[in-house]
Amino acid sequence: MKAEAFDGDWLDLREPYDAAARDPGLAAMLAAALPARPRVLDLGAGTGSLLRWLGHFIGRAQAWTLVDADPELIERAFDTIAERADAVGWAATFPGRKTLLVHSPEGAWRVEGLIANLVLAPANLPLDRVDAVVNTALCDLVSRDWVDAMAAACARRRLPFYAALNVTGRERFNPPYPGDALVMRGFRRDQRRDKGFGGIALGPAAPDAIAEAFAAHGYTVHRAASDWVIDRRSRLFAQEIATGHGSAAMAWERRDAWRIEDWIDARRAQAADGLLSVRIGHQDVLALPPG
């Protein structure tokens, strides 16, 4: 079975909200735990937004392997990383067809891509050649068995594991509107369906599941809130969030589809008029190996 895929335009749209939400304290803690020139494995890397954010916290020469099942997203990641580097005056070169070098003032960032189906992880990952495993918005899609297997594999090699932006199940749309409870109920049901990772998705149970799985191997687990805060000026993103929540809910609340359609239309209109704000609960989790 293939895991769910994500559209590159959606990933680009959410990138600034992801960057504002992730907890900088955990990022700094991870950076301090890494060796002088760390090798980072980014699971479900998409267009490379985590590299563009976390690389600055590492702040030295570093090597990244971007893992994704979609080769077009990996190609887009390389292009975007090079464009963003050029925008701040950093040279970006391609010493090989599959390697990008970003020449930051603190040292080169070496970037490579790996096309891999994460359903099969960790068996198909080069964990013996990296110093940390990281991801964004991945672990709420996977099953508990997937997390347990990943924790065991990381523990064998004493690898830190950093999972950013796991949903917590707390969503708030303001102002209130009839149908909020209905949509949230259907959306939470959708979060727990099988998303292709070997069982029911963790959804809001992801932060606890990660913490429990790694603590069982002696890891120290750190957690921090990383909510999306979408204010009334974020009209397009608020519209997309409303549409996504409503569409997901409709698959589970079909008898009330007309109410959900009304909710989507009303929420999109509010967002377009600059009247809608949204807060989506997330939590970052950092698991550091013993010693």
C-alpha atoms as a PDB file:
ATOM      1  CA  MET A   1       0.000   0.000   0.000  1.00  0.00           C
ATOM      2  CA  LYS A   2       1.188   3.494  -0.829  1.00  0.00           C
ATOM      3  CA  ALA A   3       1.120   6.281   1.747  1.00  0.00           C
ATOM      4  CA  GLU A   4      -0.807   9.487   1.178  1.00  0.00           C
ATOM      5  CA  ALA A   5       0.868  12.050  -1.056  1.00  0.00           C
ATOM      6  CA  PHE A   6       0.835  15.823  -0.782  1.00  0.00           C
ATOM      7  CA  ASP A   7       0.709  18.546  -3.396  1.00  0.00           C
ATOM      8  CA  GLY A   8       3.791  20.758  -3.719  1.00  0.00           C
ATOM      9  CA  ASP A   9       1.732  23.953  -3.881  1.00  0.00           C
ATOM     10  CA  TRP A  10       0.066  23.050  -0.578  1.00  0.00           C
ATOM     11  CA  LEU A  11       3.468  22.401   1.001  1.00  0.00           C
ATOM     12  CA  ASP A  12       4.720  25.783  -0.221  1.00  0.00           C
ATOM     13  CA  LEU A  13       1.609  27.520   1.115  1.00  0.00           C
ATOM     14  CA  ARG A  14       1.999  26.062   4.589  1.00  0.00           C
ATOM     15  CA  GLU A  15       5.782  26.547   4.843  1.00  0.00           C
ATOM     16  CA  PRO A  16       5.774  29.977   6.560  1.00  0.00           C
ATOM     17  CA  TYR A  17       3.171  28.786   9.072  1.00  0.00           C
ATOM     18  CA  ASP A  18       5.233  25.674   9.788  1.00  0.00           C
ATOM     19  CA  ALA A  19       8.321  27.822  10.304  1.00  0.00           C
ATOM     20  CA  ALA A  20       6.535  30.157  12.688  1.00  0.00           C
ATOM     21  CA  ALA A  21       5.042  27.261  14.644  1.00  0.00           C
ATOM     22  CA  ARG A  22       8.025  24.939  15.231  1.00  0.00           C
ATOM     23  CA  ASP A  23       9.629  25.336  18.627  1.00  0.00           C
ATOM     24  CA  PRO A  24      13.118  26.916  18.350  1.00  0.00           C
ATOM     25  CA  GLY A  25      14.152  25.560  21.756  1.00  0.00           C
ATOM     26  CA  LEU A  26      13.883  21.947  20.629  1.00  0.00           C
ATOM     27  CA  ALA A  27      15.670  22.781  17.368  1.00  0.00           C
ATOM     28  CA  ALA A  28      18.574  24.296  19.299  1.00  0.00           C
ATOM     29  CA  MET A  29      18.650  21.281  21.619  1.00  0.00           C
ATOM     30  CA  LEU A  30      18.871  18.921  18.647  1.00  0.00           C
ATOM     31  CA  ALA A  31      21.599  21.018  17.012  1.00  0.00           C
ATOM     32  CA  ALA A  32      23.664  20.893  20.219  1.00  0.00           C
ATOM     33  CA  ALA A  33      23.381  17.092  20.358  1.00  0.00           C
ATOM     34  CA  LEU A  34      24.743  16.587  16.825  1.00  0.00           C
ATOM     35  CA  PRO A  35      28.385  16.088  15.788  1.00  0.00           C
ATOM     36  CA  ALA A  36      30.551  18.727  14.129  1.00  0.00           C
ATOM     37  CA  ARG A  37      29.307  17.955  10.608  1.00  0.00           C
ATOM     38  CA  PRO A  38      25.989  16.209  11.097  1.00  0.00           C
ATOM     39  CA  ARG A  39      24.288  13.956   8.579  1.00  0.00           C
ATOM     40  CA  VAL A  40      20.512  14.418   8.757  1.00  0.00           C
ATOM     41  CA  LEU A  41      17.848  12.100   7.317  1.00  0.00           C
ATOM     42  CA  ASP A  42      14.599  13.985   6.596  1.00  0.00           C
ATOM     43  CA  LEU A  43      11.608  11.645   6.216  1.00  0.00           C
ATOM     44  CA  GLY A  44       8.765  12.813   3.996  1.00  0.00           C
ATOM     45  CA  ALA A  45      10.842  15.857   3.119  1.00  0.00           C
ATOM     46  CA  GLY A  46       8.492  17.204   0.462  1.00  0.00           C
ATOM     47  CA  THR A  47       9.884  20.470  -0.905  1.00  0.00           C
ATOM     48  CA  GLY A  48      12.605  20.698   1.744  1.00  0.00           C
ATOM     49  CA  SER A  49      11.001  23.178   4.124  1.00  0.00           C
ATOM     50  CA  LEU A  50      12.424  21.537   7.266  1.00  0.00           C
ATOM     51  CA  LEU A  51      15.961  21.778   5.893  1.00  0.00           C
ATOM     52  CA  ARG A  52      15.472  25.460   5.128  1.00  0.00           C
ATOM     53  CA  TRP A  53      14.369  26.068   8.733  1.00  0.00           C
ATOM     54  CA  LEU A  54      16.436  23.636  10.798  1.00  0.00           C
ATOM     55  CA  GLY A  55      19.658  24.158   8.849  1.00  0.00           C
ATOM     56  CA  HIS A  56      20.024  27.623  10.359  1.00  0.00           C
ATOM     57  CA  PHE A  57      19.806  26.209  13.889  1.00  0.00           C
ATOM     58  CA  ILE A  58      22.521  23.676  13.089  1.00  0.00           C
ATOM     59  CA  GLY A  59      24.558  26.599  11.816  1.00  0.00           C
ATOM     60  CA  ARG A  60      27.592  24.713  10.459  1.00  0.00           C
ATOM     61  CA  ALA A  61      28.571  22.348   7.678  1.00  0.00           C
ATOM     62  CA  GLN A  62      25.922  19.666   7.360  1.00  0.00           C
ATOM     63  CA  ALA A  63      24.685  16.933   5.034  1.00  0.00           C
ATOM     64  CA  TRP A  64      21.018  16.192   4.369  1.00  0.00           C
ATOM     65  CA  THR A  65      19.298  13.279   2.706  1.00  0.00           C
ATOM     66  CA  LEU A  66      15.758  14.230   1.694  1.00  0.00           C
ATOM     67  CA  VAL A  67      13.515  11.158   1.622  1.00  0.00           C
ATOM     68  CA  ASP A  68      10.216  11.171  -0.239  1.00  0.00           C
ATOM     69  CA  ALA A  69       8.218   8.790  -2.399  1.00  0.00           C
ATOM     70  CA  ASP A  70       7.523  11.524  -4.980  1.00  0.00           C
ATOM     71  CA  PRO A  71      10.493  12.294  -7.274  1.00  0.00           C
ATOM     72  CA  GLU A  72       8.819  15.498  -8.451  1.00  0.00           C
ATOM     73  CA  LEU A  73       8.793  16.831  -4.883  1.00  0.00           C
ATOM     74  CA  ILE A  74      12.483  15.998  -4.469  1.00  0.00           C
ATOM     75  CA  GLU A  75      13.262  17.835  -7.714  1.00  0.00           C
ATOM     76  CA  ARG A  76      11.171  20.770  -6.540  1.00  0.00           C
ATOM     77  CA  ALA A  77      13.013  20.731  -3.207  1.00  0.00           C
ATOM     78  CA  PHE A  78      16.385  21.065  -4.942  1.00  0.00           C
ATOM     79  CA  ASP A  79      15.133  23.959  -7.081  1.00  0.00           C
ATOM     80  CA  THR A  80      13.584  25.764  -4.119  1.00  0.00           C
ATOM     81  CA  ILE A  81      16.623  25.312  -1.876  1.00  0.00           C
ATOM     82  CA  ALA A  82      18.884  26.696  -4.606  1.00  0.00           C
ATOM     83  CA  GLU A  83      16.532  29.639  -5.256  1.00  0.00           C
ATOM     84  CA  ARG A  84      16.284  30.539  -1.564  1.00  0.00           C
ATOM     85  CA  ALA A  85      20.066  30.327  -1.214  1.00  0.00           C
ATOM     86  CA  ASP A  86      20.534  32.663  -4.164  1.00  0.00           C
ATOM     87  CA  ALA A  87      18.005  35.086  -2.672  1.00  0.00           C
ATOM     88  CA  VAL A  88      20.192  35.578   0.416  1.00  0.00           C
ATOM     89  CA  GLY A  89      23.455  35.694  -1.522  1.00  0.00           C
ATOM     90  CA  TRP A  90      24.615  32.116  -0.940  1.00  0.00           C
ATOM     91  CA  ALA A  91      26.048  30.213  -3.891  1.00  0.00           C
ATOM     92  CA  ALA A  92      24.390  26.918  -4.810  1.00  0.00           C
ATOM     93  CA  THR A  93      26.269  24.454  -6.992  1.00  0.00           C
ATOM     94  CA  PHE A  94      25.611  20.984  -8.371  1.00  0.00           C
ATOM     95  CA  PRO A  95      28.810  18.915  -8.158  1.00  0.00           C
ATOM     96  CA  GLY A  96      26.845  15.873  -9.355  1.00  0.00           C
ATOM     97  CA  ARG A  97      23.453  15.135 -10.858  1.00  0.00           C
ATOM     98  CA  LYS A  98      22.072  14.038  -7.505  1.00  0.00           C
ATOM     99  CA  THR A  99      23.904  16.421  -5.175  1.00  0.00           C
ATOM    100  CA  LEU A 100      23.340  20.084  -4.325  1.00  0.00           C
ATOM    101  CA  LEU A 101      25.829  22.165  -2.328  1.00  0.00           C
ATOM    102  CA  VAL A 102      24.646  25.319  -0.600  1.00  0.00           C
ATOM    103  CA  HIS A 103      27.648  27.446   0.387  1.00  0.00           C
ATOM    104  CA  SER A 104      26.549  29.114   3.617  1.00  0.00           C
ATOM    105  CA  PRO A 105      28.956  31.401   5.551  1.00  0.00           C
ATOM    106  CA  GLU A 106      29.178  28.756   8.334  1.00  0.00           C
ATOM    107  CA  GLY A 107      29.968  25.862   6.010  1.00  0.00           C
ATOM    108  CA  ALA A 108      28.517  23.954   3.073  1.00  0.00           C
ATOM    109  CA  TRP A 109      25.132  22.252   3.213  1.00  0.00           C
ATOM    110  CA  ARG A 110      25.276  19.063   1.153  1.00  0.00           C
ATOM    111  CA  VAL A 111      21.848  17.924  -0.049  1.00  0.00           C
ATOM    112  CA  GLU A 112      20.948  14.611  -1.660  1.00  0.00           C
ATOM    113  CA  GLY A 113      17.620  12.978  -2.436  1.00  0.00           C
ATOM    114  CA  LEU A 114      16.374   9.463  -1.797  1.00  0.00           C
ATOM    115  CA  ILE A 115      13.191   8.158  -3.416  1.00  0.00           C
ATOM    116  CA  ALA A 116      11.704   5.678  -0.940  1.00  0.00           C
ATOM    117  CA  ASN A 117       8.300   4.427   0.149  1.00  0.00           C
ATOM    118  CA  LEU A 118       8.122   5.292   3.849  1.00  0.00           C
ATOM    119  CA  VAL A 119       5.555   2.562   4.385  1.00  0.00           C
ATOM    120  CA  LEU A 120       8.556   0.221   4.330  1.00  0.00           C
ATOM    121  CA  ALA A 121      10.595   2.293   6.783  1.00  0.00           C
ATOM    122  CA  PRO A 122      12.826   1.852   8.660  1.00  0.00           C
ATOM    123  CA  ALA A 123      14.008  -1.225   6.714  1.00  0.00           C
ATOM    124  CA  ASN A 124      14.684   0.780   3.525  1.00  0.00           C
ATOM    125  CA  LEU A 125      16.498   3.716   5.173  1.00  0.00           C
ATOM    126  CA  PRO A 126      20.292   4.280   5.434  1.00  0.00           C
ATOM    127  CA  LEU A 127      20.242   4.671   9.222  1.00  0.00           C
ATOM    128  CA  ASP A 128      23.831   3.446   9.495  1.00  0.00           C
ATOM    129  CA  ARG A 129      25.022   6.511   7.553  1.00  0.00           C
ATOM    130  CA  VAL A 130      23.253   9.348   9.411  1.00  0.00           C
ATOM    131  CA  ASP A 131      23.434  11.147  12.757  1.00  0.00           C
ATOM    132  CA  ALA A 132      19.762  12.071  13.221  1.00  0.00           C
ATOM    133  CA  VAL A 133      16.301  11.312  11.846  1.00  0.00           C
ATOM    134  CA  VAL A 134      13.909  14.243  11.436  1.00  0.00           C
ATOM    135  CA  ASN A 135      10.480  14.901   9.964  1.00  0.00           C
ATOM    136  CA  THR A 136       7.608  17.375   9.850  1.00  0.00           C
ATOM    137  CA  ALA A 137       3.894  16.522   9.920  1.00  0.00           C
ATOM    138  CA  LEU A 138       4.574  12.823   9.362  1.00  0.00           C
ATOM    139  CA  CYS A 139       4.041  10.922  12.595  1.00  0.00           C
ATOM    140  CA  ASP A 140       0.334  11.677  12.943  1.00  0.00           C
ATOM    141  CA  LEU A 141      -0.146   9.818   9.624  1.00  0.00           C
ATOM    142  CA  VAL A 142       1.669   6.637  10.630  1.00  0.00           C
ATOM    143  CA  SER A 143       0.633   3.688  12.794  1.00  0.00           C
ATOM    144  CA  ARG A 144       1.815   2.824  16.288  1.00  0.00           C
ATOM    145  CA  ASP A 145       3.664  -0.190  14.888  1.00  0.00           C
ATOM    146  CA  TRP A 146       5.516   2.121  12.492  1.00  0.00           C
ATOM    147  CA  VAL A 147       6.639   4.383  15.355  1.00  0.00           C
ATOM    148  CA  ASP A 148       7.656   1.401  17.492  1.00  0.00           C
ATOM    149  CA  ALA A 149       9.774  -0.016  14.658  1.00  0.00           C
ATOM    150  CA  MET A 150      11.374   3.377  14.017  1.00  0.00           C
ATOM    151  CA  ALA A 151      12.194   3.816  17.701  1.00  0.00           C
ATOM    152  CA  ALA A 152      13.834   0.389  17.854  1.00  0.00           C
ATOM    153  CA  ALA A 153      15.874   1.068  14.713  1.00  0.00           C
ATOM    154  CA  CYS A 154      17.040   4.479  15.936  1.00  0.00           C
ATOM    155  CA  ALA A 155      17.901   3.041  19.361  1.00  0.00           C
ATOM    156  CA  ARG A 156      20.193   0.415  17.820  1.00  0.00           C
ATOM    157  CA  ARG A 157      22.289   3.250  16.388  1.00  0.00           C
ATOM    158  CA  ARG A 158      21.680   5.806  19.174  1.00  0.00           C
ATOM    159  CA  LEU A 159      20.157   8.288  16.733  1.00  0.00           C
ATOM    160  CA  PRO A 160      18.208  11.365  17.870  1.00  0.00           C
ATOM    161  CA  PHE A 161      14.671  11.511  16.498  1.00  0.00           C
ATOM    162  CA  TYR A 162      12.933  14.851  15.912  1.00  0.00           C
ATOM    163  CA  ALA A 163       9.277  14.987  14.865  1.00  0.00           C
ATOM    164  CA  ALA A 164       7.806  18.448  14.324  1.00  0.00           C
ATOM    165  CA  LEU A 165       4.189  19.513  13.974  1.00  0.00           C
ATOM    166  CA  ASN A 166       2.255  16.484  15.171  1.00  0.00           C
ATOM    167  CA  VAL A 167      -1.438  17.260  15.499  1.00  0.00           C
ATOM    168  CA  THR A 168      -2.942  17.312  18.982  1.00  0.00           C
ATOM    169  CA  GLY A 169      -6.651  17.322  18.112  1.00  0.00           C
ATOM    170  CA  ARG A 170      -7.231  20.876  19.317  1.00  0.00           C
ATOM    171  CA  GLU A 171      -8.644  23.121  16.610  1.00  0.00           C
ATOM    172  CA  ARG A 172     -10.401  26.430  17.073  1.00  0.00           C
ATOM    173  CA  PHE A 173     -12.138  28.520  14.407  1.00  0.00           C
ATOM    174  CA  ASN A 174     -13.156  32.056  15.356  1.00  0.00           C
ATOM    175  CA  PRO A 175     -15.808  33.353  15.328  1.00  0.00           C
ATOM    176  CA  PRO A 176     -17.915  30.291  16.243  1.00  0.00           C
ATOM    177  CA  TYR A 177     -20.337  29.056  13.594  1.00  0.00           C
ATOM    178  CA  PRO A 178     -23.101  26.410  13.521  1.00  0.00           C
ATOM    179  CA  GLY A 179     -21.634  23.102  12.458  1.00  0.00           C
ATOM    180  CA  ASP A 180     -18.265  23.550  14.170  1.00  0.00           C
ATOM    181  CA  ALA A 181     -18.760  20.494  16.394  1.00  0.00           C
ATOM    182  CA  LEU A 182     -19.999  18.382  13.471  1.00  0.00           C
ATOM    183  CA  VAL A 183     -17.001  19.254  11.301  1.00  0.00           C
ATOM    184  CA  MET A 184     -14.520  18.698  14.115  1.00  0.00           C
ATOM    185  CA  ARG A 185     -16.059  15.298  14.867  1.00  0.00           C
ATOM    186  CA  GLY A 186     -15.765  14.175  11.257  1.00  0.00           C
ATOM    187  CA  PHE A 187     -12.285  15.625  10.904  1.00  0.00           C
ATOM    188  CA  ARG A 188     -11.024  13.761  13.971  1.00  0.00           C
ATOM    189  CA  ARG A 189     -12.445  10.524  12.568  1.00  0.00           C
ATOM    190  CA  ASP A 190     -10.567  11.177   9.342  1.00  0.00           C
ATOM    191  CA  GLN A 191      -7.322  11.741  11.255  1.00  0.00           C
ATOM    192  CA  ARG A 192      -7.520   8.193  12.632  1.00  0.00           C
ATOM    193  CA  ARG A 193      -8.195   6.310   9.390  1.00  0.00           C
ATOM    194  CA  ASP A 194      -5.559   4.076   7.798  1.00  0.00           C
ATOM    195  CA  LYS A 195      -3.314   6.369   5.749  1.00  0.00           C
ATOM    196  CA  GLY A 196      -1.142   3.651   4.302  1.00  0.00           C
ATOM    197  CA  PHE A 197       1.375   3.079   7.097  1.00  0.00           C
ATOM    198  CA  GLY A 198       0.328  -0.352   8.261  1.00  0.00           C
ATOM    199  CA  GLY A 199      -2.662   0.411  10.431  1.00  0.00           C
ATOM    200  CA  ILE A 200      -4.837   3.134  11.911  1.00  0.00           C
ATOM    201  CA  ALA A 201      -3.130   6.525  11.826  1.00  0.00           C
ATOM    202  CA  LEU A 202      -2.044   7.921  15.179  1.00  0.00           C
ATOM    203  CA  GLY A 203      -3.587  11.326  14.569  1.00  0.00           C
ATOM    204  CA  PRO A 204      -3.676  13.288  17.856  1.00  0.00           C
ATOM    205  CA  ALA A 205      -2.166  10.285  19.690  1.00  0.00           C
ATOM    206  CA  ALA A 206       1.145  10.794  17.850  1.00  0.00           C
ATOM    207  CA  PRO A 207       3.002  12.888  20.482  1.00  0.00           C
ATOM    208  CA  ASP A 208       2.254  10.379  23.245  1.00  0.00           C
ATOM    209  CA  ALA A 209       3.061   7.406  21.008  1.00  0.00           C
ATOM    210  CA  ILE A 210       6.447   8.855  20.007  1.00  0.00           C
ATOM    211  CA  ALA A 211       7.298   9.666  23.608  1.00  0.00           C
ATOM    212  CA  GLU A 212       6.333   6.208  24.847  1.00  0.00           C
ATOM    213  CA  ALA A 213       8.132   4.347  22.057  1.00  0.00           C
ATOM    214  CA  PHE A 214      11.444   6.158  22.521  1.00  0.00           C
ATOM    215  CA  ALA A 215      11.286   6.306  26.312  1.00  0.00           C
ATOM    216  CA  ALA A 216      11.022   2.506  26.271  1.00  0.00           C
ATOM    217  CA  HIS A 217      14.542   2.487  24.778  1.00  0.00           C
ATOM    218  CA  GLY A 218      15.959   4.827  27.401  1.00  0.00           C
ATOM    219  CA  TYR A 219      15.617   8.040  25.404  1.00  0.00           C
ATOM    220  CA  THR A 220      14.988  11.407  27.030  1.00  0.00           C
ATOM    221  CA  VAL A 221      11.936  12.946  25.401  1.00  0.00           C
ATOM    222  CA  HIS A 222      11.297  16.689  25.123  1.00  0.00           C
ATOM    223  CA  ARG A 223       8.004  18.151  23.935  1.00  0.00           C
ATOM    224  CA  ALA A 224       6.844  21.656  23.057  1.00  0.00           C
ATOM    225  CA  ALA A 225       3.723  23.259  21.650  1.00  0.00           C
ATOM    226  CA  SER A 226       3.931  24.264  17.983  1.00  0.00           C
ATOM    227  CA  ASP A 227       0.438  25.448  17.084  1.00  0.00           C
ATOM    228  CA  TRP A 228      -0.424  26.973  13.745  1.00  0.00           C
ATOM    229  CA  VAL A 229      -1.707  30.471  14.471  1.00  0.00           C
ATOM    230  CA  ILE A 230      -3.604  31.713  11.428  1.00  0.00           C
ATOM    231  CA  ASP A 231      -4.768  35.289  11.901  1.00  0.00           C
ATOM    232  CA  ARG A 232      -7.391  37.161   9.920  1.00  0.00           C
ATOM    233  CA  ARG A 233      -4.822  38.514   7.474  1.00  0.00           C
ATOM    234  CA  SER A 234      -3.987  34.976   6.300  1.00  0.00           C
ATOM    235  CA  ARG A 235      -7.010  34.816   4.051  1.00  0.00           C
ATOM    236  CA  LEU A 236      -5.890  32.218   1.518  1.00  0.00           C
ATOM    237  CA  PHE A 237      -4.445  29.838   4.097  1.00  0.00           C
ATOM    238  CA  ALA A 238      -7.536  30.129   6.286  1.00  0.00           C
ATOM    239  CA  GLN A 239      -9.705  29.289   3.275  1.00  0.00           C
ATOM    240  CA  GLU A 240      -7.619  26.209   2.511  1.00  0.00           C
ATOM    241  CA  ILE A 241      -7.747  25.059   6.125  1.00  0.00           C
ATOM    242  CA  ALA A 242     -11.535  25.399   6.207  1.00  0.00           C
ATOM    243  CA  THR A 243     -11.917  23.526   2.930  1.00  0.00           C
ATOM    244  CA  GLY A 244      -9.589  20.760   4.086  1.00  0.00           C
ATOM    245  CA  HIS A 245     -11.354  20.276   7.403  1.00  0.00           C
ATOM    246  CA  GLY A 246     -14.796  20.310   5.844  1.00  0.00           C
ATOM    247  CA  SER A 247     -13.929  17.967   2.991  1.00  0.00           C
ATOM    248  CA  ALA A 248     -12.316  15.449   5.346  1.00  0.00           C
ATOM    249  CA  ALA A 249     -15.308  15.588   7.678  1.00  0.00           C
ATOM    250  CA  MET A 250     -17.801  15.083   4.858  1.00  0.00           C
ATOM    251  CA  ALA A 251     -16.459  11.600   4.136  1.00  0.00           C
ATOM    252  CA  TRP A 252     -17.522  10.551   7.648  1.00  0.00           C
ATOM    253  CA  GLU A 253     -20.670  12.625   8.182  1.00  0.00           C
ATOM    254  CA  ARG A 254     -22.492  12.009   4.927  1.00  0.00           C
ATOM    255  CA  ARG A 255     -25.979  12.384   6.349  1.00  0.00           C
ATOM    256  CA  ASP A 256     -25.120  15.950   7.241  1.00  0.00           C
ATOM    257  CA  ALA A 257     -23.211  16.727   4.059  1.00  0.00           C
ATOM    258  CA  TRP A 258     -25.415  19.730   3.333  1.00  0.00           C
ATOM    259  CA  ARG A 259     -24.585  21.227   6.740  1.00  0.00           C
ATOM    260  CA  ILE A 260     -20.887  20.723   6.136  1.00  0.00           C
ATOM    261  CA  GLU A 261     -21.141  22.287   2.669  1.00  0.00           C
ATOM    262  CA  ASP A 262     -22.815  25.309   4.278  1.00  0.00           C
ATOM    263  CA  TRP A 263     -20.039  25.418   6.879  1.00  0.00           C
ATOM    264  CA  ILE A 264     -17.322  25.360   4.201  1.00  0.00           C
ATOM    265  CA  ASP A 265     -18.987  28.112   2.180  1.00  0.00           C
ATOM    266  CA  ALA A 266     -19.491  30.283   5.254  1.00  0.00           C
ATOM    267  CA  ARG A 267     -15.969  29.785   6.559  1.00  0.00           C
ATOM    268  CA  ARG A 268     -14.412  30.503   3.154  1.00  0.00           C
ATOM    269  CA  ALA A 269     -16.476  33.685   2.862  1.00  0.00           C
ATOM    270  CA  GLN A 270     -15.391  34.777   6.340  1.00  0.00           C
ATOM    271  CA  ALA A 271     -11.757  34.130   5.450  1.00  0.00           C
ATOM    272  CA  ALA A 272     -12.065  36.060   2.181  1.00  0.00           C
ATOM    273  CA  ASP A 273     -13.483  39.019   4.130  1.00  0.00           C
ATOM    274  CA  GLY A 274     -10.699  38.899   6.702  1.00  0.00           C
ATOM    275  CA  LEU A 275     -13.045  37.772   9.477  1.00  0.00           C
ATOM    276  CA  LEU A 276     -11.734  34.254  10.225  1.00  0.00           C
ATOM    277  CA  SER A 277      -8.873  33.212  12.474  1.00  0.00           C
ATOM    278  CA  VAL A 278      -7.833  29.629  13.144  1.00  0.00           C
ATOM    279  CA  ARG A 279      -5.598  27.892  15.655  1.00  0.00           C
ATOM    280  CA  ILE A 280      -4.540  24.299  14.933  1.00  0.00           C
ATOM    281  CA  GLY A 281      -2.882  22.440  17.788  1.00  0.00           C
ATOM    282  CA  HIS A 282       0.483  20.797  17.115  1.00  0.00           C
ATOM    283  CA  GLN A 283       3.333  19.524  19.228  1.00  0.00           C
ATOM    284  CA  ASP A 284       7.015  19.020  18.448  1.00  0.00           C
ATOM    285  CA  VAL A 285       8.774  15.997  19.955  1.00  0.00           C
ATOM    286  CA  LEU A 286      12.533  15.492  20.328  1.00  0.00           C
ATOM    287  CA  ALA A 287      13.886  12.145  21.538  1.00  0.00           C
ATOM    288  CA  LEU A 288      17.559  12.077  22.509  1.00  0.00           C
ATOM    289  CA  PRO A 289      19.403   8.792  23.077  1.00  0.00           C
ATOM    290  CA  PRO A 290      20.828   7.947  26.495  1.00  0.00           C
ATOM    291  CA  GLY A 291      24.261   9.302  27.289  1.00  0.00           C
END
